[in-house]
């Protein structure tokens, strides 16, 4: 079995848009920027995002972007706007949610998202 060399990459989120930052993080977590990338291997790096509170949201996303969750009961589809989600969960969870949607939906996703860290 090969020994995977993981680097720690620090990204400053100050004045970066949510989607563009999430794409950058997702590519690094998957390891797509490495020359020996294959889709079935978890060879990505550890990503540390700092200044997450200074991330910017373009357009009318604070009012128009919705997050849905389903409780499992009939008629209990919960909806929250980005502004409500930011107040309740914080910007870390907003970025984590965006990155989760960009990673492959398989067994590797849980391992990859654990390598996403935040610092002030």
PDB file of N, CA and C in Angstrom:
ATOM      1  N   UNK A   1       0.839  -1.190   0.000  1.00  0.00           N
ATOM      2  CA  UNK A   1       0.000   0.000   0.000  1.00  0.00           C
ATOM      3  C   UNK A   1       0.876   1.243   0.000  1.00  0.00           C
ATOM      4  N   UNK A   2       0.511   2.224  -0.791  1.00  0.00           N
ATOM      5  CA  UNK A   2       1.299   3.448  -0.898  1.00  0.00           C
ATOM      6  C   UNK A   2       1.153   4.319   0.337  1.00  0.00           C
ATOM      7  N   UNK A   3       2.162   5.125   0.557  1.00  0.00           N
ATOM      8  CA  UNK A   3       2.115   6.098   1.636  1.00  0.00           C
ATOM      9  C   UNK A   3       1.708   7.440   1.026  1.00  0.00           C
ATOM     10  N   UNK A   4       0.588   7.973   1.459  1.00  0.00           N
ATOM     11  CA  UNK A   4       0.074   9.225   0.892  1.00  0.00           C
ATOM     12  C   UNK A   4       0.666  10.402   1.654  1.00  0.00           C
ATOM     13  N   UNK A   5       1.272  11.326   0.927  1.00  0.00           N
ATOM     14  CA  UNK A   5       1.850  12.526   1.524  1.00  0.00           C
ATOM     15  C   UNK A   5       0.787  13.626   1.533  1.00  0.00           C
ATOM     16  N   UNK A   6       0.348  13.995   2.722  1.00  0.00           N
ATOM     17  CA  UNK A   6      -0.658  15.050   2.850  1.00  0.00           C
ATOM     18  C   UNK A   6       0.007  16.332   3.328  1.00  0.00           C
ATOM     19  N   UNK A   7      -0.346  17.427   2.664  1.00  0.00           N
ATOM     20  CA  UNK A   7       0.132  18.742   3.081  1.00  0.00           C
ATOM     21  C   UNK A   7      -1.018  19.470   3.768  1.00  0.00           C
ATOM     22  N   UNK A   8      -0.679  20.456   4.566  1.00  0.00           N
ATOM     23  CA  UNK A   8      -1.679  21.328   5.167  1.00  0.00           C
ATOM     24  C   UNK A   8      -1.670  22.635   4.403  1.00  0.00           C
ATOM     25  N   UNK A   9      -2.804  22.975   3.835  1.00  0.00           N
ATOM     26  CA  UNK A   9      -2.926  24.187   3.026  1.00  0.00           C
ATOM     27  C   UNK A   9      -3.830  25.162   3.772  1.00  0.00           C
ATOM     28  N   UNK A  10      -3.339  26.384   3.964  1.00  0.00           N
ATOM     29  CA  UNK A  10      -4.095  27.421   4.664  1.00  0.00           C
ATOM     30  C   UNK A  10      -4.674  28.378   3.627  1.00  0.00           C
ATOM     31  N   UNK A  11      -5.986  28.591   3.701  1.00  0.00           N
ATOM     32  CA  UNK A  11      -6.684  29.485   2.775  1.00  0.00           C
ATOM     33  C   UNK A  11      -7.298  30.627   3.577  1.00  0.00           C
ATOM     34  N   UNK A  12      -7.068  31.843   3.110  1.00  0.00           N
ATOM     35  CA  UNK A  12      -7.668  33.016   3.744  1.00  0.00           C
ATOM     36  C   UNK A  12      -8.993  33.322   3.037  1.00  0.00           C
ATOM     37  N   UNK A  13     -10.091  33.292   3.791  1.00  0.00           N
ATOM     38  CA  UNK A  13     -11.420  33.462   3.210  1.00  0.00           C
ATOM     39  C   UNK A  13     -11.861  34.920   3.146  1.00  0.00           C
ATOM     40  N   UNK A  14     -11.004  35.834   3.547  1.00  0.00           N
ATOM     41  CA  UNK A  14     -11.390  37.245   3.576  1.00  0.00           C
ATOM     42  C   UNK A  14     -11.679  37.754   2.164  1.00  0.00           C
ATOM     43  N   UNK A  15     -12.859  38.338   1.969  1.00  0.00           N
ATOM     44  CA  UNK A  15     -13.333  38.907   0.700  1.00  0.00           C
ATOM     45  C   UNK A  15     -13.393  37.886  -0.432  1.00  0.00           C
ATOM     46  N   UNK A  16     -13.634  36.623  -0.119  1.00  0.00           N
ATOM     47  CA  UNK A  16     -13.831  35.611  -1.152  1.00  0.00           C
ATOM     48  C   UNK A  16     -15.296  35.200  -1.137  1.00  0.00           C
ATOM     49  N   UNK A  17     -15.855  34.987  -2.330  1.00  0.00           N
ATOM     50  CA  UNK A  17     -17.247  34.579  -2.447  1.00  0.00           C
ATOM     51  C   UNK A  17     -17.389  33.121  -2.004  1.00  0.00           C
ATOM     52  N   UNK A  18     -18.551  32.791  -1.474  1.00  0.00           N
ATOM     53  CA  UNK A  18     -18.814  31.463  -0.913  1.00  0.00           C
ATOM     54  C   UNK A  18     -18.568  30.350  -1.928  1.00  0.00           C
ATOM     55  N   UNK A  19     -19.135  30.448  -3.102  1.00  0.00           N
ATOM     56  CA  UNK A  19     -19.029  29.383  -4.095  1.00  0.00           C
ATOM     57  C   UNK A  19     -17.621  29.183  -4.603  1.00  0.00           C
ATOM     58  N   UNK A  20     -16.929  30.267  -4.870  1.00  0.00           N
ATOM     59  CA  UNK A  20     -15.561  30.166  -5.381  1.00  0.00           C
ATOM     60  C   UNK A  20     -14.618  29.587  -4.340  1.00  0.00           C
ATOM     61  N   UNK A  21     -14.837  29.960  -3.097  1.00  0.00           N
ATOM     62  CA  UNK A  21     -14.042  29.405  -2.002  1.00  0.00           C
ATOM     63  C   UNK A  21     -14.337  27.917  -1.829  1.00  0.00           C
ATOM     64  N   UNK A  22     -15.606  27.529  -1.932  1.00  0.00           N
ATOM     65  CA  UNK A  22     -15.995  26.130  -1.770  1.00  0.00           C
ATOM     66  C   UNK A  22     -15.399  25.250  -2.871  1.00  0.00           C
ATOM     67  N   UNK A  23     -15.343  25.767  -4.100  1.00  0.00           N
ATOM     68  CA  UNK A  23     -14.743  25.013  -5.206  1.00  0.00           C
ATOM     69  C   UNK A  23     -13.258  24.784  -4.928  1.00  0.00           C
ATOM     70  N   UNK A  24     -12.574  25.815  -4.493  1.00  0.00           N
ATOM     71  CA  UNK A  24     -11.142  25.715  -4.209  1.00  0.00           C
ATOM     72  C   UNK A  24     -10.874  24.681  -3.113  1.00  0.00           C
ATOM     73  N   UNK A  25     -11.677  24.710  -2.063  1.00  0.00           N
ATOM     74  CA  UNK A  25     -11.520  23.774  -0.950  1.00  0.00           C
ATOM     75  C   UNK A  25     -11.830  22.345  -1.395  1.00  0.00           C
ATOM     76  N   UNK A  26     -12.897  22.161  -2.165  1.00  0.00           N
ATOM     77  CA  UNK A  26     -13.294  20.822  -2.602  1.00  0.00           C
ATOM     78  C   UNK A  26     -12.232  20.176  -3.491  1.00  0.00           C
ATOM     79  N   UNK A  27     -11.629  20.953  -4.371  1.00  0.00           N
ATOM     80  CA  UNK A  27     -10.569  20.424  -5.246  1.00  0.00           C
ATOM     81  C   UNK A  27      -9.376  19.975  -4.421  1.00  0.00           C
ATOM     82  N   UNK A  28      -9.003  20.756  -3.417  1.00  0.00           N
ATOM     83  CA  UNK A  28      -7.864  20.394  -2.576  1.00  0.00           C
ATOM     84  C   UNK A  28      -8.159  19.178  -1.703  1.00  0.00           C
ATOM     85  N   UNK A  29      -9.381  19.081  -1.182  1.00  0.00           N
ATOM     86  CA  UNK A  29      -9.743  17.931  -0.349  1.00  0.00           C
ATOM     87  C   UNK A  29      -9.759  16.629  -1.145  1.00  0.00           C
ATOM     88  N   UNK A  30     -10.178  16.696  -2.394  1.00  0.00           N
ATOM     89  CA  UNK A  30     -10.214  15.490  -3.240  1.00  0.00           C
ATOM     90  C   UNK A  30      -8.845  15.127  -3.772  1.00  0.00           C
ATOM     91  N   UNK A  31      -7.942  16.095  -3.884  1.00  0.00           N
ATOM     92  CA  UNK A  31      -6.610  15.827  -4.411  1.00  0.00           C
ATOM     93  C   UNK A  31      -6.544  15.925  -5.916  1.00  0.00           C
ATOM     94  N   UNK A  32      -7.486  16.646  -6.519  1.00  0.00           N
ATOM     95  CA  UNK A  32      -7.522  16.740  -7.980  1.00  0.00           C
ATOM     96  C   UNK A  32      -6.376  17.574  -8.548  1.00  0.00           C
ATOM     97  N   UNK A  33      -5.711  18.338  -7.707  1.00  0.00           N
ATOM     98  CA  UNK A  33      -4.603  19.157  -8.186  1.00  0.00           C
ATOM     99  C   UNK A  33      -3.290  18.381  -8.206  1.00  0.00           C
ATOM    100  N   UNK A  34      -3.297  17.141  -7.728  1.00  0.00           N
ATOM    101  CA  UNK A  34      -2.076  16.330  -7.685  1.00  0.00           C
ATOM    102  C   UNK A  34      -1.928  15.534  -8.979  1.00  0.00           C
ATOM    103  N   UNK A  35      -0.695  15.278  -9.399  1.00  0.00           N
ATOM    104  CA  UNK A  35      -0.487  14.554 -10.661  1.00  0.00           C
ATOM    105  C   UNK A  35      -0.894  13.077 -10.609  1.00  0.00           C
ATOM    106  N   UNK A  36      -0.935  12.483  -9.423  1.00  0.00           N
ATOM    107  CA  UNK A  36      -1.283  11.068  -9.316  1.00  0.00           C
ATOM    108  C   UNK A  36      -2.740  10.870  -8.876  1.00  0.00           C
ATOM    109  N   UNK A  37      -3.633  11.787  -9.261  1.00  0.00           N
ATOM    110  CA  UNK A  37      -5.047  11.718  -8.872  1.00  0.00           C
ATOM    111  C   UNK A  37      -5.755  10.561  -9.568  1.00  0.00           C
ATOM    112  N   UNK A  38      -6.481   9.788  -8.785  1.00  0.00           N
ATOM    113  CA  UNK A  38      -7.430   8.806  -9.305  1.00  0.00           C
ATOM    114  C   UNK A  38      -8.700   8.940  -8.466  1.00  0.00           C
ATOM    115  N   UNK A  39      -9.876   8.780  -9.051  1.00  0.00           N
ATOM    116  CA  UNK A  39     -11.121   9.064  -8.329  1.00  0.00           C
ATOM    117  C   UNK A  39     -11.391   8.149  -7.137  1.00  0.00           C
ATOM    118  N   UNK A  40     -10.850   6.941  -7.125  1.00  0.00           N
ATOM    119  CA  UNK A  40     -11.166   5.993  -6.069  1.00  0.00           C
ATOM    120  C   UNK A  40     -10.210   6.068  -4.882  1.00  0.00           C
ATOM    121  N   UNK A  41      -9.206   6.966  -4.936  1.00  0.00           N
ATOM    122  CA  UNK A  41      -8.271   7.112  -3.824  1.00  0.00           C
ATOM    123  C   UNK A  41      -8.517   8.401  -3.079  1.00  0.00           C
ATOM    124  N   UNK A  42      -8.325   8.347  -1.778  1.00  0.00           N
ATOM    125  CA  UNK A  42      -8.441   9.544  -0.956  1.00  0.00           C
ATOM    126  C   UNK A  42      -7.040  10.100  -0.746  1.00  0.00           C
ATOM    127  N   UNK A  43      -6.570  10.924  -1.670  1.00  0.00           N
ATOM    128  CA  UNK A  43      -5.201  11.418  -1.627  1.00  0.00           C
ATOM    129  C   UNK A  43      -5.137  12.929  -1.456  1.00  0.00           C
ATOM    130  N   UNK A  44      -6.214  13.544  -0.967  1.00  0.00           N
ATOM    131  CA  UNK A  44      -6.263  14.994  -0.841  1.00  0.00           C
ATOM    132  C   UNK A  44      -5.492  15.515   0.345  1.00  0.00           C
ATOM    133  N   UNK A  45      -5.391  16.813   0.426  1.00  0.00           N
ATOM    134  CA  UNK A  45      -4.648  17.484   1.490  1.00  0.00           C
ATOM    135  C   UNK A  45      -5.597  17.952   2.587  1.00  0.00           C
ATOM    136  N   UNK A  46      -5.014  18.359   3.712  1.00  0.00           N
ATOM    137  CA  UNK A  46      -5.776  18.971   4.795  1.00  0.00           C
ATOM    138  C   UNK A  46      -5.892  20.457   4.492  1.00  0.00           C
ATOM    139  N   UNK A  47      -7.091  20.999   4.620  1.00  0.00           N
ATOM    140  CA  UNK A  47      -7.333  22.406   4.301  1.00  0.00           C
ATOM    141  C   UNK A  47      -7.771  23.132   5.567  1.00  0.00           C
ATOM    142  N   UNK A  48      -7.079  24.226   5.881  1.00  0.00           N
ATOM    143  CA  UNK A  48      -7.420  25.074   7.015  1.00  0.00           C
ATOM    144  C   UNK A  48      -7.900  26.409   6.462  1.00  0.00           C
ATOM    145  N   UNK A  49      -9.119  26.799   6.817  1.00  0.00           N
ATOM    146  CA  UNK A  49      -9.692  28.056   6.339  1.00  0.00           C
ATOM    147  C   UNK A  49      -9.695  29.047   7.495  1.00  0.00           C
ATOM    148  N   UNK A  50      -9.090  30.201   7.274  1.00  0.00           N
ATOM    149  CA  UNK A  50      -9.086  31.223   8.323  1.00  0.00           C
ATOM    150  C   UNK A  50      -9.847  32.453   7.853  1.00  0.00           C
ATOM    151  N   UNK A  51     -10.216  33.311   8.794  1.00  0.00           N
ATOM    152  CA  UNK A  51     -11.026  34.511   8.538  1.00  0.00           C
ATOM    153  C   UNK A  51     -12.359  34.163   7.891  1.00  0.00           C
ATOM    154  N   UNK A  52     -12.984  33.102   8.360  1.00  0.00           N
ATOM    155  CA  UNK A  52     -14.244  32.642   7.768  1.00  0.00           C
ATOM    156  C   UNK A  52     -15.374  33.646   7.994  1.00  0.00           C
ATOM    157  N   UNK A  53     -15.253  34.469   9.045  1.00  0.00           N
ATOM    158  CA  UNK A  53     -16.292  35.465   9.327  1.00  0.00           C
ATOM    159  C   UNK A  53     -16.309  36.591   8.298  1.00  0.00           C
ATOM    160  N   UNK A  54     -15.213  36.786   7.572  1.00  0.00           N
ATOM    161  CA  UNK A  54     -15.109  37.878   6.610  1.00  0.00           C
ATOM    162  C   UNK A  54     -15.413  37.435   5.184  1.00  0.00           C
ATOM    163  N   UNK A  55     -15.952  36.233   5.023  1.00  0.00           N
ATOM    164  CA  UNK A  55     -16.347  35.730   3.718  1.00  0.00           C
ATOM    165  C   UNK A  55     -17.520  36.567   3.203  1.00  0.00           C
ATOM    166  N   UNK A  56     -17.571  36.810   1.884  1.00  0.00           N
ATOM    167  CA  UNK A  56     -18.645  37.659   1.371  1.00  0.00           C
ATOM    168  C   UNK A  56     -19.661  36.842   0.585  1.00  0.00           C
ATOM    169  N   UNK A  57     -20.870  37.355   0.555  1.00  0.00           N
ATOM    170  CA  UNK A  57     -21.967  36.734  -0.171  1.00  0.00           C
ATOM    171  C   UNK A  57     -22.425  37.724  -1.229  1.00  0.00           C
ATOM    172  N   UNK A  58     -22.392  37.310  -2.487  1.00  0.00           N
ATOM    173  CA  UNK A  58     -22.714  38.208  -3.580  1.00  0.00           C
ATOM    174  C   UNK A  58     -24.198  38.152  -3.900  1.00  0.00           C
ATOM    175  N   UNK A  59     -24.676  39.191  -4.545  1.00  0.00           N
ATOM    176  CA  UNK A  59     -26.070  39.237  -4.976  1.00  0.00           C
ATOM    177  C   UNK A  59     -27.036  39.288  -3.804  1.00  0.00           C
ATOM    178  N   UNK A  60     -28.202  38.696  -3.995  1.00  0.00           N
ATOM    179  CA  UNK A  60     -29.244  38.679  -2.971  1.00  0.00           C
ATOM    180  C   UNK A  60     -29.310  37.332  -2.253  1.00  0.00           C
ATOM    181  N   UNK A  61     -28.164  36.662  -2.119  1.00  0.00           N
ATOM    182  CA  UNK A  61     -28.164  35.319  -1.541  1.00  0.00           C
ATOM    183  C   UNK A  61     -28.651  35.298  -0.093  1.00  0.00           C
ATOM    184  N   UNK A  62     -28.387  36.341   0.659  1.00  0.00           N
ATOM    185  CA  UNK A  62     -28.802  36.340   2.067  1.00  0.00           C
ATOM    186  C   UNK A  62     -30.315  36.211   2.210  1.00  0.00           C
ATOM    187  N   UNK A  63     -31.064  36.767   1.268  1.00  0.00           N
ATOM    188  CA  UNK A  63     -32.519  36.692   1.343  1.00  0.00           C
ATOM    189  C   UNK A  63     -33.100  35.571   0.479  1.00  0.00           C
ATOM    190  N   UNK A  64     -32.466  35.271  -0.656  1.00  0.00           N
ATOM    191  CA  UNK A  64     -33.068  34.361  -1.631  1.00  0.00           C
ATOM    192  C   UNK A  64     -32.602  32.914  -1.542  1.00  0.00           C
ATOM    193  N   UNK A  65     -31.400  32.663  -1.037  1.00  0.00           N
ATOM    194  CA  UNK A  65     -30.892  31.280  -0.972  1.00  0.00           C
ATOM    195  C   UNK A  65     -31.539  30.554   0.189  1.00  0.00           C
ATOM    196  N   UNK A  66     -32.081  29.376  -0.085  1.00  0.00           N
ATOM    197  CA  UNK A  66     -32.789  28.606   0.935  1.00  0.00           C
ATOM    198  C   UNK A  66     -32.076  27.293   1.230  1.00  0.00           C
ATOM    199  N   UNK A  67     -32.136  26.891   2.484  1.00  0.00           N
ATOM    200  CA  UNK A  67     -31.638  25.592   2.928  1.00  0.00           C
ATOM    201  C   UNK A  67     -32.833  24.787   3.417  1.00  0.00           C
ATOM    202  N   UNK A  68     -32.957  23.552   2.926  1.00  0.00           N
ATOM    203  CA  UNK A  68     -34.075  22.697   3.280  1.00  0.00           C
ATOM    204  C   UNK A  68     -33.586  21.522   4.106  1.00  0.00           C
ATOM    205  N   UNK A  69     -34.426  21.089   5.053  1.00  0.00           N
ATOM    206  CA  UNK A  69     -34.182  19.837   5.769  1.00  0.00           C
ATOM    207  C   UNK A  69     -35.526  19.207   6.061  1.00  0.00           C
ATOM    208  N   UNK A  70     -35.518  17.901   6.084  1.00  0.00           N
ATOM    209  CA  UNK A  70     -36.756  17.155   6.259  1.00  0.00           C
ATOM    210  C   UNK A  70     -36.675  16.371   7.555  1.00  0.00           C
ATOM    211  N   UNK A  71     -37.687  16.525   8.414  1.00  0.00           N
ATOM    212  CA  UNK A  71     -37.666  15.886   9.721  1.00  0.00           C
ATOM    213  C   UNK A  71     -38.063  14.420   9.663  1.00  0.00           C
ATOM    214  N   UNK A  72     -38.714  14.003   8.593  1.00  0.00           N
ATOM    215  CA  UNK A  72     -39.164  12.627   8.470  1.00  0.00           C
ATOM    216  C   UNK A  72     -40.657  12.486   8.686  1.00  0.00           C
ATOM    217  N   UNK A  73     -41.298  13.528   9.181  1.00  0.00           N
ATOM    218  CA  UNK A  73     -42.742  13.498   9.391  1.00  0.00           C
ATOM    219  C   UNK A  73     -43.451  14.168   8.225  1.00  0.00           C
ATOM    220  N   UNK A  74     -44.689  13.786   7.994  1.00  0.00           N
ATOM    221  CA  UNK A  74     -45.450  14.362   6.900  1.00  0.00           C
ATOM    222  C   UNK A  74     -45.628  15.867   7.091  1.00  0.00           C
ATOM    223  N   UNK A  75     -45.351  16.615   6.062  1.00  0.00           N
ATOM    224  CA  UNK A  75     -45.548  18.053   6.104  1.00  0.00           C
ATOM    225  C   UNK A  75     -44.500  18.816   6.894  1.00  0.00           C
ATOM    226  N   UNK A  76     -43.417  18.164   7.285  1.00  0.00           N
ATOM    227  CA  UNK A  76     -42.393  18.843   8.096  1.00  0.00           C
ATOM    228  C   UNK A  76     -41.116  19.085   7.304  1.00  0.00           C
ATOM    229  N   UNK A  77     -41.253  19.738   6.170  1.00  0.00           N
ATOM    230  CA  UNK A  77     -40.107  20.182   5.407  1.00  0.00           C
ATOM    231  C   UNK A  77     -39.744  21.565   5.934  1.00  0.00           C
ATOM    232  N   UNK A  78     -38.604  21.695   6.570  1.00  0.00           N
ATOM    233  CA  UNK A  78     -38.183  22.959   7.170  1.00  0.00           C
ATOM    234  C   UNK A  78     -37.363  23.747   6.164  1.00  0.00           C
ATOM    235  N   UNK A  79     -37.568  25.056   6.135  1.00  0.00           N
ATOM    236  CA  UNK A  79     -36.874  25.926   5.195  1.00  0.00           C
ATOM    237  C   UNK A  79     -36.271  27.090   5.964  1.00  0.00           C
ATOM    238  N   UNK A  80     -35.023  27.423   5.648  1.00  0.00           N
ATOM    239  CA  UNK A  80     -34.368  28.571   6.268  1.00  0.00           C
ATOM    240  C   UNK A  80     -33.586  29.316   5.199  1.00  0.00           C
ATOM    241  N   UNK A  81     -33.599  30.635   5.261  1.00  0.00           N
ATOM    242  CA  UNK A  81     -32.800  31.419   4.328  1.00  0.00           C
ATOM    243  C   UNK A  81     -31.345  31.404   4.782  1.00  0.00           C
ATOM    244  N   UNK A  82     -30.468  31.897   3.927  1.00  0.00           N
ATOM    245  CA  UNK A  82     -29.044  31.932   4.256  1.00  0.00           C
ATOM    246  C   UNK A  82     -28.785  32.806   5.479  1.00  0.00           C
ATOM    247  N   UNK A  83     -29.515  33.887   5.596  1.00  0.00           N
ATOM    248  CA  UNK A  83     -29.344  34.786   6.751  1.00  0.00           C
ATOM    249  C   UNK A  83     -29.708  34.069   8.054  1.00  0.00           C
ATOM    250  N   UNK A  84     -30.829  33.347   8.055  1.00  0.00           N
ATOM    251  CA  UNK A  84     -31.231  32.588   9.246  1.00  0.00           C
ATOM    252  C   UNK A  84     -30.242  31.469   9.550  1.00  0.00           C
ATOM    253  N   UNK A  85     -29.751  30.799   8.504  1.00  0.00           N
ATOM    254  CA  UNK A  85     -28.797  29.702   8.664  1.00  0.00           C
ATOM    255  C   UNK A  85     -27.477  30.218   9.237  1.00  0.00           C
ATOM    256  N   UNK A  86     -27.059  31.408   8.790  1.00  0.00           N
ATOM    257  CA  UNK A  86     -25.831  32.017   9.315  1.00  0.00           C
ATOM    258  C   UNK A  86     -25.970  32.339  10.795  1.00  0.00           C
ATOM    259  N   UNK A  87     -27.114  32.867  11.177  1.00  0.00           N
ATOM    260  CA  UNK A  87     -27.332  33.220  12.580  1.00  0.00           C
ATOM    261  C   UNK A  87     -27.376  31.972  13.453  1.00  0.00           C
ATOM    262  N   UNK A  88     -28.060  30.935  12.958  1.00  0.00           N
ATOM    263  CA  UNK A  88     -28.238  29.723  13.766  1.00  0.00           C
ATOM    264  C   UNK A  88     -26.987  28.842  13.797  1.00  0.00           C
ATOM    265  N   UNK A  89     -26.375  28.588  12.651  1.00  0.00           N
ATOM    266  CA  UNK A  89     -25.265  27.630  12.557  1.00  0.00           C
ATOM    267  C   UNK A  89     -23.891  28.286  12.426  1.00  0.00           C
ATOM    268  N   UNK A  90     -23.829  29.478  11.831  1.00  0.00           N
ATOM    269  CA  UNK A  90     -22.554  30.155  11.659  1.00  0.00           C
ATOM    270  C   UNK A  90     -21.971  29.940  10.276  1.00  0.00           C
ATOM    271  N   UNK A  91     -20.965  30.751   9.915  1.00  0.00           N
ATOM    272  CA  UNK A  91     -20.381  30.670   8.571  1.00  0.00           C
ATOM    273  C   UNK A  91     -19.598  29.384   8.322  1.00  0.00           C
ATOM    274  N   UNK A  92     -19.101  28.745   9.376  1.00  0.00           N
ATOM    275  CA  UNK A  92     -18.362  27.493   9.206  1.00  0.00           C
ATOM    276  C   UNK A  92     -19.264  26.419   8.602  1.00  0.00           C
ATOM    277  N   UNK A  93     -20.469  26.323   9.119  1.00  0.00           N
ATOM    278  CA  UNK A  93     -21.399  25.301   8.641  1.00  0.00           C
ATOM    279  C   UNK A  93     -21.903  25.623   7.233  1.00  0.00           C
ATOM    280  N   UNK A  94     -21.998  26.904   6.899  1.00  0.00           N
ATOM    281  CA  UNK A  94     -22.419  27.295   5.547  1.00  0.00           C
ATOM    282  C   UNK A  94     -21.383  26.832   4.527  1.00  0.00           C
ATOM    283  N   UNK A  95     -20.101  27.084   4.814  1.00  0.00           N
ATOM    284  CA  UNK A  95     -19.035  26.663   3.903  1.00  0.00           C
ATOM    285  C   UNK A  95     -18.934  25.141   3.865  1.00  0.00           C
ATOM    286  N   UNK A  96     -19.048  24.504   5.007  1.00  0.00           N
ATOM    287  CA  UNK A  96     -18.971  23.039   5.075  1.00  0.00           C
ATOM    288  C   UNK A  96     -20.090  22.411   4.255  1.00  0.00           C
ATOM    289  N   UNK A  97     -21.284  22.978   4.327  1.00  0.00           N
ATOM    290  CA  UNK A  97     -22.431  22.487   3.574  1.00  0.00           C
ATOM    291  C   UNK A  97     -22.203  22.643   2.072  1.00  0.00           C
ATOM    292  N   UNK A  98     -21.616  23.771   1.659  1.00  0.00           N
ATOM    293  CA  UNK A  98     -21.339  24.015   0.245  1.00  0.00           C
ATOM    294  C   UNK A  98     -20.284  23.036  -0.273  1.00  0.00           C
ATOM    295  N   UNK A  99     -19.259  22.779   0.522  1.00  0.00           N
ATOM    296  CA  UNK A  99     -18.200  21.853   0.114  1.00  0.00           C
ATOM    297  C   UNK A  99     -18.744  20.426   0.055  1.00  0.00           C
ATOM    298  N   UNK A 100     -19.600  20.058   1.010  1.00  0.00           N
ATOM    299  CA  UNK A 100     -20.184  18.710   1.017  1.00  0.00           C
ATOM    300  C   UNK A 100     -20.951  18.445  -0.275  1.00  0.00           C
ATOM    301  N   UNK A 101     -21.640  19.456  -0.783  1.00  0.00           N
ATOM    302  CA  UNK A 101     -22.383  19.293  -2.024  1.00  0.00           C
ATOM    303  C   UNK A 101     -21.494  19.130  -3.238  1.00  0.00           C
ATOM    304  N   UNK A 102     -20.232  19.546  -3.136  1.00  0.00           N
ATOM    305  CA  UNK A 102     -19.306  19.474  -4.262  1.00  0.00           C
ATOM    306  C   UNK A 102     -18.445  18.222  -4.254  1.00  0.00           C
ATOM    307  N   UNK A 103     -18.390  17.519  -3.131  1.00  0.00           N
ATOM    308  CA  UNK A 103     -17.609  16.290  -3.067  1.00  0.00           C
ATOM    309  C   UNK A 103     -18.435  15.129  -3.609  1.00  0.00           C
ATOM    310  N   UNK A 104     -17.754  14.075  -4.036  1.00  0.00           N
ATOM    311  CA  UNK A 104     -18.442  12.892  -4.558  1.00  0.00           C
ATOM    312  C   UNK A 104     -19.280  12.246  -3.473  1.00  0.00           C
ATOM    313  N   UNK A 105     -20.459  11.818  -3.841  1.00  0.00           N
ATOM    314  CA  UNK A 105     -21.376  11.224  -2.874  1.00  0.00           C
ATOM    315  C   UNK A 105     -21.077   9.741  -2.727  1.00  0.00           C
ATOM    316  N   UNK A 106     -19.973   9.409  -2.037  1.00  0.00           N
ATOM    317  CA  UNK A 106     -19.604   8.019  -1.799  1.00  0.00           C
ATOM    318  C   UNK A 106     -18.926   7.899  -0.435  1.00  0.00           C
ATOM    319  N   UNK A 107     -18.305   6.770  -0.175  1.00  0.00           N
ATOM    320  CA  UNK A 107     -17.719   6.506   1.142  1.00  0.00           C
ATOM    321  C   UNK A 107     -16.536   7.422   1.454  1.00  0.00           C
ATOM    322  N   UNK A 108     -15.917   7.975   0.431  1.00  0.00           N
ATOM    323  CA  UNK A 108     -14.756   8.834   0.649  1.00  0.00           C
ATOM    324  C   UNK A 108     -15.139  10.207   1.181  1.00  0.00           C
ATOM    325  N   UNK A 109     -16.383  10.628   0.958  1.00  0.00           N
ATOM    326  CA  UNK A 109     -16.784  11.982   1.313  1.00  0.00           C
ATOM    327  C   UNK A 109     -16.638  12.248   2.799  1.00  0.00           C
ATOM    328  N   UNK A 110     -16.993  11.304   3.650  1.00  0.00           N
ATOM    329  CA  UNK A 110     -16.873  11.509   5.089  1.00  0.00           C
ATOM    330  C   UNK A 110     -15.415  11.668   5.511  1.00  0.00           C
ATOM    331  N   UNK A 111     -14.529  10.906   4.907  1.00  0.00           N
ATOM    332  CA  UNK A 111     -13.099  11.021   5.227  1.00  0.00           C
ATOM    333  C   UNK A 111     -12.548  12.358   4.749  1.00  0.00           C
ATOM    334  N   UNK A 112     -12.995  12.798   3.579  1.00  0.00           N
ATOM    335  CA  UNK A 112     -12.476  14.035   3.008  1.00  0.00           C
ATOM    336  C   UNK A 112     -12.954  15.256   3.785  1.00  0.00           C
ATOM    337  N   UNK A 113     -14.208  15.277   4.193  1.00  0.00           N
ATOM    338  CA  UNK A 113     -14.739  16.466   4.874  1.00  0.00           C
ATOM    339  C   UNK A 113     -14.161  16.603   6.275  1.00  0.00           C
ATOM    340  N   UNK A 114     -13.675  15.515   6.856  1.00  0.00           N
ATOM    341  CA  UNK A 114     -13.037  15.598   8.171  1.00  0.00           C
ATOM    342  C   UNK A 114     -11.714  16.337   8.127  1.00  0.00           C
ATOM    343  N   UNK A 115     -11.132  16.454   6.944  1.00  0.00           N
ATOM    344  CA  UNK A 115      -9.864  17.173   6.796  1.00  0.00           C
ATOM    345  C   UNK A 115     -10.056  18.672   6.558  1.00  0.00           C
ATOM    346  N   UNK A 116     -11.290  19.138   6.622  1.00  0.00           N
ATOM    347  CA  UNK A 116     -11.578  20.562   6.514  1.00  0.00           C
ATOM    348  C   UNK A 116     -11.611  21.160   7.928  1.00  0.00           C
ATOM    349  N   UNK A 117     -10.700  22.080   8.217  1.00  0.00           N
ATOM    350  CA  UNK A 117     -10.579  22.695   9.537  1.00  0.00           C
ATOM    351  C   UNK A 117     -10.794  24.203   9.413  1.00  0.00           C
ATOM    352  N   UNK A 118     -11.141  24.811  10.536  1.00  0.00           N
ATOM    353  CA  UNK A 118     -11.364  26.255  10.572  1.00  0.00           C
ATOM    354  C   UNK A 118     -10.555  26.863  11.714  1.00  0.00           C
ATOM    355  N   UNK A 119     -10.051  28.066  11.493  1.00  0.00           N
ATOM    356  CA  UNK A 119      -9.378  28.808  12.565  1.00  0.00           C
ATOM    357  C   UNK A 119      -9.711  30.280  12.430  1.00  0.00           C
ATOM    358  N   UNK A 120      -9.546  31.002  13.512  1.00  0.00           N
ATOM    359  CA  UNK A 120      -9.891  32.429  13.511  1.00  0.00           C
ATOM    360  C   UNK A 120      -8.785  33.282  13.005  1.00  0.00           C
TER     361      UNK A 120
END
